[in-house]
PDB file of N, CA and C in Angstrom:
ATOM      1  N   UNK A   1       0.849  -1.173   0.000  1.00  0.00           N
ATOM      2  CA  UNK A   1       0.000   0.000   0.000  1.00  0.00           C
ATOM      3  C   UNK A   1       0.893   1.234   0.000  1.00  0.00           C
ATOM      4  N   UNK A   2       0.595   2.164  -0.865  1.00  0.00           N
ATOM      5  CA  UNK A   2       1.363   3.398  -0.912  1.00  0.00           C
ATOM      6  C   UNK A   2       0.530   4.541  -0.365  1.00  0.00           C
ATOM      7  N   UNK A   3       1.202   5.433   0.289  1.00  0.00           N
ATOM      8  CA  UNK A   3       0.551   6.598   0.867  1.00  0.00           C
ATOM      9  C   UNK A   3       1.022   7.831   0.116  1.00  0.00           C
ATOM     10  N   UNK A   4       0.204   8.855   0.078  1.00  0.00           N
ATOM     11  CA  UNK A   4       0.594  10.046  -0.680  1.00  0.00           C
ATOM     12  C   UNK A   4       1.856  10.681  -0.114  1.00  0.00           C
ATOM     13  N   UNK A   5       2.675  11.160  -1.015  1.00  0.00           N
ATOM     14  CA  UNK A   5       3.883  11.873  -0.606  1.00  0.00           C
ATOM     15  C   UNK A   5       3.478  13.213  -0.004  1.00  0.00           C
ATOM     16  N   UNK A   6       4.349  13.784   0.806  1.00  0.00           N
ATOM     17  CA  UNK A   6       4.034  15.107   1.345  1.00  0.00           C
ATOM     18  C   UNK A   6       3.873  16.121   0.213  1.00  0.00           C
ATOM     19  N   UNK A   7       3.007  17.071   0.428  1.00  0.00           N
ATOM     20  CA  UNK A   7       2.794  18.107  -0.584  1.00  0.00           C
ATOM     21  C   UNK A   7       3.990  19.056  -0.605  1.00  0.00           C
ATOM     22  N   UNK A   8       4.174  19.783  -1.694  1.00  0.00           N
ATOM     23  CA  UNK A   8       5.247  20.774  -1.736  1.00  0.00           C
ATOM     24  C   UNK A   8       5.147  21.791  -0.591  1.00  0.00           C
ATOM     25  N   UNK A   9       3.935  22.168  -0.218  1.00  0.00           N
ATOM     26  CA  UNK A   9       3.758  23.122   0.888  1.00  0.00           C
ATOM     27  C   UNK A   9       4.216  22.515   2.213  1.00  0.00           C
ATOM     28  N   UNK A  10       3.918  21.231   2.420  1.00  0.00           N
ATOM     29  CA  UNK A  10       4.362  20.564   3.648  1.00  0.00           C
ATOM     30  C   UNK A  10       5.884  20.453   3.686  1.00  0.00           C
ATOM     31  N   UNK A  11       6.473  20.122   2.556  1.00  0.00           N
ATOM     32  CA  UNK A  11       7.933  20.019   2.486  1.00  0.00           C
ATOM     33  C   UNK A  11       8.569  21.371   2.753  1.00  0.00           C
ATOM     34  N   UNK A  12       8.026  22.414   2.139  1.00  0.00           N
ATOM     35  CA  UNK A  12       8.565  23.766   2.330  1.00  0.00           C
ATOM     36  C   UNK A  12       8.456  24.194   3.789  1.00  0.00           C
ATOM     37  N   UNK A  13       7.328  23.935   4.422  1.00  0.00           N
ATOM     38  CA  UNK A  13       7.149  24.301   5.834  1.00  0.00           C
ATOM     39  C   UNK A  13       8.151  23.564   6.713  1.00  0.00           C
ATOM     40  N   UNK A  14       8.334  22.280   6.459  1.00  0.00           N
ATOM     41  CA  UNK A  14       9.287  21.498   7.248  1.00  0.00           C
ATOM     42  C   UNK A  14      10.721  21.960   6.996  1.00  0.00           C
ATOM     43  N   UNK A  15      11.053  22.318   5.761  1.00  0.00           N
ATOM     44  CA  UNK A  15      12.395  22.804   5.441  1.00  0.00           C
ATOM     45  C   UNK A  15      12.676  24.123   6.155  1.00  0.00           C
ATOM     46  N   UNK A  16      11.672  24.975   6.260  1.00  0.00           N
ATOM     47  CA  UNK A  16      11.851  26.242   6.979  1.00  0.00           C
ATOM     48  C   UNK A  16      12.124  26.000   8.462  1.00  0.00           C
ATOM     49  N   UNK A  17      11.427  25.042   9.052  1.00  0.00           N
ATOM     50  CA  UNK A  17      11.670  24.707  10.457  1.00  0.00           C
ATOM     51  C   UNK A  17      13.077  24.148  10.615  1.00  0.00           C
ATOM     52  N   UNK A  18      13.466  23.261   9.708  1.00  0.00           N
ATOM     53  CA  UNK A  18      14.808  22.692   9.751  1.00  0.00           C
ATOM     54  C   UNK A  18      15.863  23.784   9.613  1.00  0.00           C
ATOM     55  N   UNK A  19      15.628  24.750   8.734  1.00  0.00           N
ATOM     56  CA  UNK A  19      16.546  25.876   8.563  1.00  0.00           C
ATOM     57  C   UNK A  19      16.688  26.662   9.863  1.00  0.00           C
ATOM     58  N   UNK A  20      15.571  26.966  10.498  1.00  0.00           N
ATOM     59  CA  UNK A  20      15.615  27.728  11.751  1.00  0.00           C
ATOM     60  C   UNK A  20      16.358  26.961  12.840  1.00  0.00           C
ATOM     61  N   UNK A  21      16.123  25.657  12.926  1.00  0.00           N
ATOM     62  CA  UNK A  21      16.835  24.844  13.917  1.00  0.00           C
ATOM     63  C   UNK A  21      18.325  24.801  13.610  1.00  0.00           C
ATOM     64  N   UNK A  22      18.673  24.682  12.339  1.00  0.00           N
ATOM     65  CA  UNK A  22      20.081  24.658  11.939  1.00  0.00           C
ATOM     66  C   UNK A  22      20.769  25.970  12.296  1.00  0.00           C
ATOM     67  N   UNK A  23      20.085  27.075  12.098  1.00  0.00           N
ATOM     68  CA  UNK A  23      20.658  28.373  12.482  1.00  0.00           C
ATOM     69  C   UNK A  23      20.816  28.466  13.992  1.00  0.00           C
ATOM     70  N   UNK A  24      19.808  28.020  14.730  1.00  0.00           N
ATOM     71  CA  UNK A  24      19.844  28.102  16.186  1.00  0.00           C
ATOM     72  C   UNK A  24      21.002  27.280  16.758  1.00  0.00           C
ATOM     73  N   UNK A  25      21.164  26.065  16.253  1.00  0.00           N
ATOM     74  CA  UNK A  25      22.203  25.178  16.774  1.00  0.00           C
ATOM     75  C   UNK A  25      23.540  25.330  16.054  1.00  0.00           C
ATOM     76  N   UNK A  26      23.595  26.247  15.098  1.00  0.00           N
ATOM     77  CA  UNK A  26      24.817  26.545  14.348  1.00  0.00           C
ATOM     78  C   UNK A  26      25.396  25.296  13.689  1.00  0.00           C
ATOM     79  N   UNK A  27      24.498  24.544  13.035  1.00  0.00           N
ATOM     80  CA  UNK A  27      24.943  23.344  12.323  1.00  0.00           C
ATOM     81  C   UNK A  27      25.743  23.706  11.083  1.00  0.00           C
ATOM     82  N   UNK A  28      25.484  24.851  10.531  1.00  0.00           N
ATOM     83  CA  UNK A  28      26.261  25.338   9.404  1.00  0.00           C
ATOM     84  C   UNK A  28      26.333  26.852   9.503  1.00  0.00           C
ATOM     85  N   UNK A  29      27.437  27.430   9.047  1.00  0.00           N
ATOM     86  CA  UNK A  29      27.564  28.889   9.150  1.00  0.00           C
ATOM     87  C   UNK A  29      26.637  29.593   8.163  1.00  0.00           C
ATOM     88  N   UNK A  30      25.831  30.460   8.690  1.00  0.00           N
ATOM     89  CA  UNK A  30      24.911  31.227   7.851  1.00  0.00           C
ATOM     90  C   UNK A  30      25.010  32.689   8.270  1.00  0.00           C
ATOM     91  N   UNK A  31      25.254  33.526   7.310  1.00  0.00           N
ATOM     92  CA  UNK A  31      25.332  34.952   7.583  1.00  0.00           C
ATOM     93  C   UNK A  31      24.063  35.659   7.130  1.00  0.00           C
ATOM     94  N   UNK A  32      23.001  34.912   6.942  1.00  0.00           N
ATOM     95  CA  UNK A  32      21.748  35.499   6.484  1.00  0.00           C
ATOM     96  C   UNK A  32      20.712  35.461   7.594  1.00  0.00           C
ATOM     97  N   UNK A  33      19.745  36.326   7.489  1.00  0.00           N
ATOM     98  CA  UNK A  33      18.713  36.423   8.510  1.00  0.00           C
ATOM     99  C   UNK A  33      17.418  35.723   8.137  1.00  0.00           C
ATOM    100  N   UNK A  34      17.308  35.264   6.907  1.00  0.00           N
ATOM    101  CA  UNK A  34      16.033  34.670   6.518  1.00  0.00           C
ATOM    102  C   UNK A  34      16.228  33.478   5.589  1.00  0.00           C
ATOM    103  N   UNK A  35      15.217  32.651   5.570  1.00  0.00           N
ATOM    104  CA  UNK A  35      15.204  31.486   4.684  1.00  0.00           C
ATOM    105  C   UNK A  35      15.216  31.931   3.227  1.00  0.00           C
ATOM    106  N   UNK A  36      14.504  33.005   2.921  1.00  0.00           N
ATOM    107  CA  UNK A  36      14.430  33.489   1.547  1.00  0.00           C
ATOM    108  C   UNK A  36      15.804  33.896   1.021  1.00  0.00           C
ATOM    109  N   UNK A  37      16.574  34.606   1.837  1.00  0.00           N
ATOM    110  CA  UNK A  37      17.916  35.018   1.420  1.00  0.00           C
ATOM    111  C   UNK A  37      18.806  33.793   1.249  1.00  0.00           C
ATOM    112  N   UNK A  38      18.690  32.854   2.183  1.00  0.00           N
ATOM    113  CA  UNK A  38      19.453  31.612   2.078  1.00  0.00           C
ATOM    114  C   UNK A  38      19.090  30.874   0.793  1.00  0.00           C
ATOM    115  N   UNK A  39      17.799  30.804   0.474  1.00  0.00           N
ATOM    116  CA  UNK A  39      17.341  30.098  -0.728  1.00  0.00           C
ATOM    117  C   UNK A  39      17.896  30.742  -2.000  1.00  0.00           C
ATOM    118  N   UNK A  40      17.961  32.066  -2.018  1.00  0.00           N
ATOM    119  CA  UNK A  40      18.486  32.763  -3.191  1.00  0.00           C
ATOM    120  C   UNK A  40      19.987  32.568  -3.342  1.00  0.00           C
ATOM    121  N   UNK A  41      20.697  32.530  -2.225  1.00  0.00           N
ATOM    122  CA  UNK A  41      22.156  32.467  -2.279  1.00  0.00           C
ATOM    123  C   UNK A  41      22.705  31.045  -2.313  1.00  0.00           C
ATOM    124  N   UNK A  42      21.898  30.060  -1.925  1.00  0.00           N
ATOM    125  CA  UNK A  42      22.396  28.692  -1.846  1.00  0.00           C
ATOM    126  C   UNK A  42      21.326  27.695  -2.311  1.00  0.00           C
ATOM    127  N   UNK A  43      21.060  27.628  -3.611  1.00  0.00           N
ATOM    128  CA  UNK A  43      20.006  26.733  -4.092  1.00  0.00           C
ATOM    129  C   UNK A  43      20.290  25.255  -3.803  1.00  0.00           C
ATOM    130  N   UNK A  44      21.552  24.863  -3.802  1.00  0.00           N
ATOM    131  CA  UNK A  44      21.875  23.467  -3.496  1.00  0.00           C
ATOM    132  C   UNK A  44      21.575  23.171  -2.033  1.00  0.00           C
ATOM    133  N   UNK A  45      21.937  24.084  -1.145  1.00  0.00           N
ATOM    134  CA  UNK A  45      21.650  23.904   0.277  1.00  0.00           C
ATOM    135  C   UNK A  45      20.160  23.798   0.550  1.00  0.00           C
ATOM    136  N   UNK A  46      19.375  24.615  -0.120  1.00  0.00           N
ATOM    137  CA  UNK A  46      17.922  24.570   0.056  1.00  0.00           C
ATOM    138  C   UNK A  46      17.364  23.259  -0.481  1.00  0.00           C
ATOM    139  N   UNK A  47      17.869  22.805  -1.611  1.00  0.00           N
ATOM    140  CA  UNK A  47      17.413  21.523  -2.158  1.00  0.00           C
ATOM    141  C   UNK A  47      17.726  20.389  -1.189  1.00  0.00           C
ATOM    142  N   UNK A  48      18.889  20.456  -0.545  1.00  0.00           N
ATOM    143  CA  UNK A  48      19.246  19.431   0.432  1.00  0.00           C
ATOM    144  C   UNK A  48      18.328  19.495   1.649  1.00  0.00           C
ATOM    145  N   UNK A  49      18.043  20.699   2.139  1.00  0.00           N
ATOM    146  CA  UNK A  49      17.120  20.835   3.272  1.00  0.00           C
ATOM    147  C   UNK A  49      15.740  20.297   2.919  1.00  0.00           C
ATOM    148  N   UNK A  50      15.268  20.615   1.721  1.00  0.00           N
ATOM    149  CA  UNK A  50      13.953  20.111   1.293  1.00  0.00           C
ATOM    150  C   UNK A  50      13.958  18.587   1.190  1.00  0.00           C
ATOM    151  N   UNK A  51      15.054  18.029   0.700  1.00  0.00           N
ATOM    152  CA  UNK A  51      15.161  16.576   0.607  1.00  0.00           C
ATOM    153  C   UNK A  51      15.133  15.914   1.973  1.00  0.00           C
ATOM    154  N   UNK A  52      15.856  16.491   2.924  1.00  0.00           N
ATOM    155  CA  UNK A  52      15.847  15.964   4.292  1.00  0.00           C
ATOM    156  C   UNK A  52      14.446  16.072   4.879  1.00  0.00           C
ATOM    157  N   UNK A  53      13.824  17.228   4.704  1.00  0.00           N
ATOM    158  CA  UNK A  53      12.471  17.434   5.237  1.00  0.00           C
ATOM    159  C   UNK A  53      11.492  16.438   4.623  1.00  0.00           C
ATOM    160  N   UNK A  54      11.592  16.215   3.317  1.00  0.00           N
ATOM    161  CA  UNK A  54      10.689  15.269   2.658  1.00  0.00           C
ATOM    162  C   UNK A  54      10.879  13.861   3.212  1.00  0.00           C
ATOM    163  N   UNK A  55      12.134  13.449   3.391  1.00  0.00           N
ATOM    164  CA  UNK A  55      12.385  12.110   3.929  1.00  0.00           C
ATOM    165  C   UNK A  55      11.870  11.977   5.353  1.00  0.00           C
ATOM    166  N   UNK A  56      11.997  13.038   6.140  1.00  0.00           N
ATOM    167  CA  UNK A  56      11.475  13.000   7.509  1.00  0.00           C
ATOM    168  C   UNK A  56       9.952  12.875   7.506  1.00  0.00           C
ATOM    169  N   UNK A  57       9.284  13.632   6.648  1.00  0.00           N
ATOM    170  CA  UNK A  57       7.828  13.559   6.563  1.00  0.00           C
ATOM    171  C   UNK A  57       7.368  12.188   6.073  1.00  0.00           C
ATOM    172  N   UNK A  58       8.093  11.621   5.117  1.00  0.00           N
ATOM    173  CA  UNK A  58       7.747  10.282   4.623  1.00  0.00           C
ATOM    174  C   UNK A  58       7.918   9.245   5.730  1.00  0.00           C
ATOM    175  N   UNK A  59       9.003   9.343   6.493  1.00  0.00           N
ATOM    176  CA  UNK A  59       9.230   8.401   7.591  1.00  0.00           C
ATOM    177  C   UNK A  59       8.129   8.518   8.633  1.00  0.00           C
ATOM    178  N   UNK A  60       7.712   9.744   8.925  1.00  0.00           N
ATOM    179  CA  UNK A  60       6.632   9.948   9.894  1.00  0.00           C
ATOM    180  C   UNK A  60       5.325   9.344   9.385  1.00  0.00           C
ATOM    181  N   UNK A  61       5.042   9.516   8.097  1.00  0.00           N
ATOM    182  CA  UNK A  61       3.811   8.954   7.527  1.00  0.00           C
ATOM    183  C   UNK A  61       3.840   7.430   7.569  1.00  0.00           C
ATOM    184  N   UNK A  62       4.981   6.860   7.246  1.00  0.00           N
ATOM    185  CA  UNK A  62       5.090   5.400   7.281  1.00  0.00           C
ATOM    186  C   UNK A  62       4.937   4.880   8.705  1.00  0.00           C
ATOM    187  N   UNK A  63       5.499   5.587   9.659  1.00  0.00           N
ATOM    188  CA  UNK A  63       5.372   5.181  11.059  1.00  0.00           C
ATOM    189  C   UNK A  63       3.926   5.276  11.513  1.00  0.00           C
ATOM    190  N   UNK A  64       3.262   6.340  11.104  1.00  0.00           N
ATOM    191  CA  UNK A  64       1.866   6.531  11.484  1.00  0.00           C
ATOM    192  C   UNK A  64       0.999   5.384  10.986  1.00  0.00           C
ATOM    193  N   UNK A  65       1.268   4.918   9.784  1.00  0.00           N
ATOM    194  CA  UNK A  65       0.454   3.866   9.189  1.00  0.00           C
ATOM    195  C   UNK A  65       1.010   2.473   9.452  1.00  0.00           C
ATOM    196  N   UNK A  66       2.114   2.381  10.199  1.00  0.00           N
ATOM    197  CA  UNK A  66       2.659   1.082  10.568  1.00  0.00           C
ATOM    198  C   UNK A  66       3.314   0.320   9.438  1.00  0.00           C
ATOM    199  N   UNK A  67       3.839   1.032   8.459  1.00  0.00           N
ATOM    200  CA  UNK A  67       4.533   0.369   7.358  1.00  0.00           C
ATOM    201  C   UNK A  67       6.024   0.581   7.508  1.00  0.00           C
ATOM    202  N   UNK A  68       6.787  -0.178   6.785  1.00  0.00           N
ATOM    203  CA  UNK A  68       8.238  -0.072   6.844  1.00  0.00           C
ATOM    204  C   UNK A  68       8.754   0.663   5.616  1.00  0.00           C
ATOM    205  N   UNK A  69       9.792   1.444   5.840  1.00  0.00           N
ATOM    206  CA  UNK A  69      10.464   2.085   4.717  1.00  0.00           C
ATOM    207  C   UNK A  69      11.379   1.070   4.058  1.00  0.00           C
ATOM    208  N   UNK A  70      11.689   1.294   2.777  1.00  0.00           N
ATOM    209  CA  UNK A  70      12.603   0.360   2.131  1.00  0.00           C
ATOM    210  C   UNK A  70      13.999   0.539   2.652  1.00  0.00           C
TER     211      UNK A  70
END
């Protein structure tokens, strides 16, 4: 059984939270004050954050429905 993937809006919201946490814990050096500036200056970094967020949301959905990830 397959479950719907997270929507782009859900992925974006989760990526923004991940960005804020990364800034707070100084996981990577950022000299910007906003996600928008970061997105404009580092498209690869934003794509990676979105990918991580999507995988986290997928794992949560699979856990909720009691299925296993591959």
